[in-house]
């Protein structure tokens, strides 16, 4: 049927576009919102049935994302947030309202979890790991004890593409993390940081 009906073929391509550019979901015309909302409702209902997931209102969750929230590793997603294709989310995760998780992000909550406050934006290929291996020489890395302190991302934070954030880090409200940065220590409110390891290079309050 899809091969013979050009409208259905267009719809499949439209879904594919939305999977990688979810912000377009909120710009759909009414005639497209009908099928898009139904598509999302069906998939989100499936996730709620299969995983320990709580999803707020008016969210977009790509069916091409990989979301794992077994017992004890709940994922909570606030209103008007999106998760794009090829992202990997492993709880425990608490994601606020109006949060953007773009394609190929990896968020692993370890034991202590990741908290992302409202309006944070995570660009493509952001990696957050809320756990770490020991490195003593009395055993191989894979056999070391694993620690977990948790990660906290503040409100209205912008994290650029290919950023890595290690366990134990707290990023303050309104901070900006430049592309390809590796964040290994806490970042203050409003700070603009970049580099490996990330260093302060500015303050948002000074931007015009």
Protein backbone atom coordinates (compact mmCIF):
# COMPACT_ATOMS: atom_id res chain seq x y z
CA UNK A 1 0.00 0.00 0.00
CA UNK A 2 2.75 2.43 0.97
CA UNK A 3 4.47 1.76 -2.37
CA UNK A 4 1.39 2.70 -4.38
CA UNK A 5 0.10 5.63 -2.34
CA UNK A 6 2.38 8.70 -2.61
CA UNK A 7 0.77 10.30 0.45
CA UNK A 8 1.69 7.31 2.61
CA UNK A 9 5.23 7.31 1.24
CA UNK A 10 5.49 11.01 2.06
CA UNK A 11 4.22 10.31 5.57
CA UNK A 12 6.95 7.72 6.16
CA UNK A 13 9.60 10.19 5.04
CA UNK A 14 8.01 12.83 7.27
CA UNK A 15 8.25 10.45 10.23
CA UNK A 16 11.89 9.83 9.41
CA UNK A 17 12.55 13.57 9.36
CA UNK A 18 10.81 14.01 12.71
CA UNK A 19 12.90 11.24 14.24
CA UNK A 20 16.06 13.27 13.65
CA UNK A 21 14.61 16.78 13.82
CA UNK A 22 11.91 16.51 16.50
CA UNK A 23 11.48 20.26 16.95
CA UNK A 24 9.50 20.15 13.69
CA UNK A 25 6.80 18.17 15.50
CA UNK A 26 5.51 21.37 17.10
CA UNK A 27 5.41 23.12 13.71
CA UNK A 28 3.26 20.56 11.93
CA UNK A 29 0.13 21.72 10.20
CA UNK A 30 -3.16 20.47 11.63
CA UNK A 31 -3.62 17.85 8.90
CA UNK A 32 -0.27 16.27 9.82
CA UNK A 33 -0.75 16.60 13.58
CA UNK A 34 -3.63 14.13 13.38
CA UNK A 35 -1.46 11.19 12.32
CA UNK A 36 1.66 12.41 14.15
CA UNK A 37 -0.10 12.61 17.53
CA UNK A 38 -1.64 9.19 17.02
CA UNK A 39 1.77 7.76 16.06
CA UNK A 40 3.36 9.28 19.16
CA UNK A 41 0.56 8.20 21.47
CA UNK A 42 0.84 4.60 20.31
CA UNK A 43 4.61 4.54 20.78
CA UNK A 44 4.57 6.27 24.15
CA UNK A 45 1.90 3.87 25.38
CA UNK A 46 4.15 1.00 24.27
CA UNK A 47 7.10 2.46 26.19
CA UNK A 48 5.02 2.86 29.35
CA UNK A 49 3.97 -0.78 29.06
CA UNK A 50 7.47 -2.14 28.45
CA UNK A 51 9.66 0.09 30.64
CA UNK A 52 9.44 2.05 33.90
CA UNK A 53 8.92 5.32 32.03
CA UNK A 54 6.87 8.39 32.86
CA UNK A 55 6.22 10.75 29.94
CA UNK A 56 4.67 14.19 30.28
CA UNK A 57 2.26 15.96 27.98
CA UNK A 58 3.00 16.98 24.40
CA UNK A 59 6.33 15.15 24.16
CA UNK A 60 8.04 13.63 21.13
CA UNK A 61 9.94 10.37 21.66
CA UNK A 62 11.54 8.92 18.55
CA UNK A 63 10.80 5.22 18.05
CA UNK A 64 14.41 5.02 16.82
CA UNK A 65 15.73 6.04 20.25
CA UNK A 66 16.79 3.30 22.69
CA UNK A 67 15.15 3.76 26.08
CA UNK A 68 15.83 1.34 28.91
CA UNK A 69 14.27 1.81 32.34
CA UNK A 70 14.09 -1.44 34.24
CA UNK A 71 12.88 -1.61 37.83
CA UNK A 72 14.96 0.73 39.99
CA UNK A 73 16.08 2.74 36.97
CA UNK A 74 13.03 4.86 36.22
CA UNK A 75 13.05 7.47 33.47
CA UNK A 76 10.83 10.52 33.94
CA UNK A 77 10.38 12.98 31.06
CA UNK A 78 8.64 16.32 31.59
CA UNK A 79 6.16 18.16 29.39
CA UNK A 80 7.04 19.44 25.90
CA UNK A 81 10.38 17.62 25.75
CA UNK A 82 11.85 15.54 22.95
CA UNK A 83 14.22 12.60 22.49
CA UNK A 84 15.62 12.18 18.99
CA UNK A 85 16.68 9.10 17.04
CA UNK A 86 19.65 6.92 17.97
CA UNK A 87 19.87 8.32 21.48
CA UNK A 88 20.47 5.81 24.27
CA UNK A 89 18.78 6.55 27.61
CA UNK A 90 19.37 4.26 30.58
CA UNK A 91 17.81 5.25 33.88
CA UNK A 92 17.65 6.50 36.46
CA UNK A 93 16.99 9.76 34.62
CA UNK A 94 14.87 12.75 35.54
CA UNK A 95 14.32 15.03 32.55
CA UNK A 96 12.49 18.33 33.01
CA UNK A 97 10.08 20.32 30.88
CA UNK A 98 11.01 21.65 27.43
CA UNK A 99 14.24 19.64 27.33
CA UNK A 100 15.84 18.77 23.99
CA UNK A 101 17.84 15.56 23.62
CA UNK A 102 19.11 15.46 20.07
CA UNK A 103 20.17 12.48 17.99
CA UNK A 104 22.91 10.10 19.13
CA UNK A 105 23.04 11.35 22.72
CA UNK A 106 23.95 8.80 25.39
CA UNK A 107 22.70 9.22 28.95
CA UNK A 108 23.45 6.50 31.50
CA UNK A 109 22.27 7.23 35.02
CA UNK A 110 24.45 4.64 36.77
CA UNK A 111 23.13 4.04 40.29
CA UNK A 112 22.80 7.67 41.39
CA UNK A 113 21.05 9.07 38.32
CA UNK A 114 21.10 12.06 36.00
CA UNK A 115 18.90 15.09 36.57
CA UNK A 116 18.30 17.53 33.69
CA UNK A 117 16.41 20.68 34.63
CA UNK A 118 13.86 22.55 32.50
CA UNK A 119 14.79 23.99 29.11
CA UNK A 120 18.21 22.34 28.82
CA UNK A 121 19.38 21.63 25.28
CA UNK A 122 21.67 18.68 24.53
CA UNK A 123 23.12 18.76 21.03
CA UNK A 124 23.92 15.65 19.01
CA UNK A 125 26.45 13.13 20.36
CA UNK A 126 26.40 14.46 23.92
CA UNK A 127 27.53 11.73 26.35
CA UNK A 128 26.69 11.67 30.08
CA UNK A 129 27.86 8.75 32.22
CA UNK A 130 26.92 8.87 35.89
CA UNK A 131 29.32 6.11 36.93
CA UNK A 132 33.02 5.32 36.88
CA UNK A 133 35.32 2.31 37.15
CA UNK A 134 38.09 1.91 39.68
CA UNK A 135 41.64 1.90 38.29
CA UNK A 136 43.73 0.05 40.88
CA UNK A 137 46.28 -2.41 39.55
CA UNK A 138 45.08 -5.37 41.60
CA UNK A 139 42.41 -6.29 39.03
CA UNK A 140 41.48 -5.63 35.39
CA UNK A 141 39.33 -2.54 34.74
CA UNK A 142 36.25 -4.63 33.99
CA UNK A 143 36.55 -6.30 37.40
CA UNK A 144 36.94 -3.08 39.40
CA UNK A 145 34.28 -1.72 41.72
CA UNK A 146 31.97 0.82 40.02
CA UNK A 147 31.14 4.10 41.74
CA UNK A 148 28.28 6.49 41.00
CA UNK A 149 27.80 10.05 42.25
CA UNK A 150 25.26 11.33 39.71
CA UNK A 151 25.15 14.24 37.27
CA UNK A 152 23.05 17.40 37.49
CA UNK A 153 22.38 19.67 34.49
CA UNK A 154 20.86 23.02 35.41
CA UNK A 155 18.04 25.03 33.90
CA UNK A 156 18.45 26.62 30.46
CA UNK A 157 21.82 24.94 29.86
CA UNK A 158 23.10 24.59 26.30
CA UNK A 159 25.42 21.64 25.72
CA UNK A 160 27.14 21.64 22.33
CA UNK A 161 27.73 18.67 20.05
CA UNK A 162 30.19 15.93 21.02
CA UNK A 163 30.42 17.01 24.66
CA UNK A 164 31.34 14.47 27.33
CA UNK A 165 30.31 14.92 30.98
CA UNK A 166 31.74 12.66 33.67
CA UNK A 167 30.19 11.34 36.84
CA UNK A 168 29.85 13.72 39.77
CA UNK A 169 29.59 16.92 37.73
CA UNK A 170 27.03 19.65 38.40
CA UNK A 171 26.46 22.21 35.64
CA UNK A 172 24.86 25.43 36.88
CA UNK A 173 21.83 27.17 35.47
CA UNK A 174 22.17 29.05 32.16
CA UNK A 175 25.66 27.67 31.42
CA UNK A 176 26.92 26.96 27.88
CA UNK A 177 29.30 24.08 27.06
CA UNK A 178 31.21 24.44 23.76
CA UNK A 179 31.42 21.69 21.12
CA UNK A 180 33.84 18.82 21.74
CA UNK A 181 34.38 19.82 25.36
CA UNK A 182 35.04 17.31 28.13
CA UNK A 183 33.52 18.43 31.43
CA UNK A 184 35.36 16.98 34.42
CA UNK A 185 34.40 19.43 37.19
CA UNK A 186 31.46 21.57 38.30
CA UNK A 187 30.44 24.54 36.12
CA UNK A 188 29.07 27.73 37.68
CA UNK A 189 25.80 29.43 36.73
CA UNK A 190 26.04 31.48 33.50
CA UNK A 191 29.55 30.21 32.69
CA UNK A 192 30.63 29.61 29.08
CA UNK A 193 33.19 26.82 28.95
CA UNK A 194 35.12 24.96 26.26
CA UNK A 195 38.06 22.63 25.85
CA UNK A 196 39.45 19.34 27.11
CA UNK A 197 39.24 19.61 30.03
CA UNK A 198 36.61 22.35 29.83
CA UNK A 199 37.72 25.78 31.06
CA UNK A 200 35.77 29.01 31.59
CA UNK A 201 36.01 31.31 28.57
CA UNK A 202 33.14 33.71 29.26
CA UNK A 203 29.93 34.61 31.06
CA UNK A 204 26.47 34.72 29.47
CA UNK A 205 25.57 37.81 31.41
CA UNK A 206 28.19 39.72 29.43
CA UNK A 207 26.67 38.77 26.06
CA UNK A 208 24.63 41.41 24.22
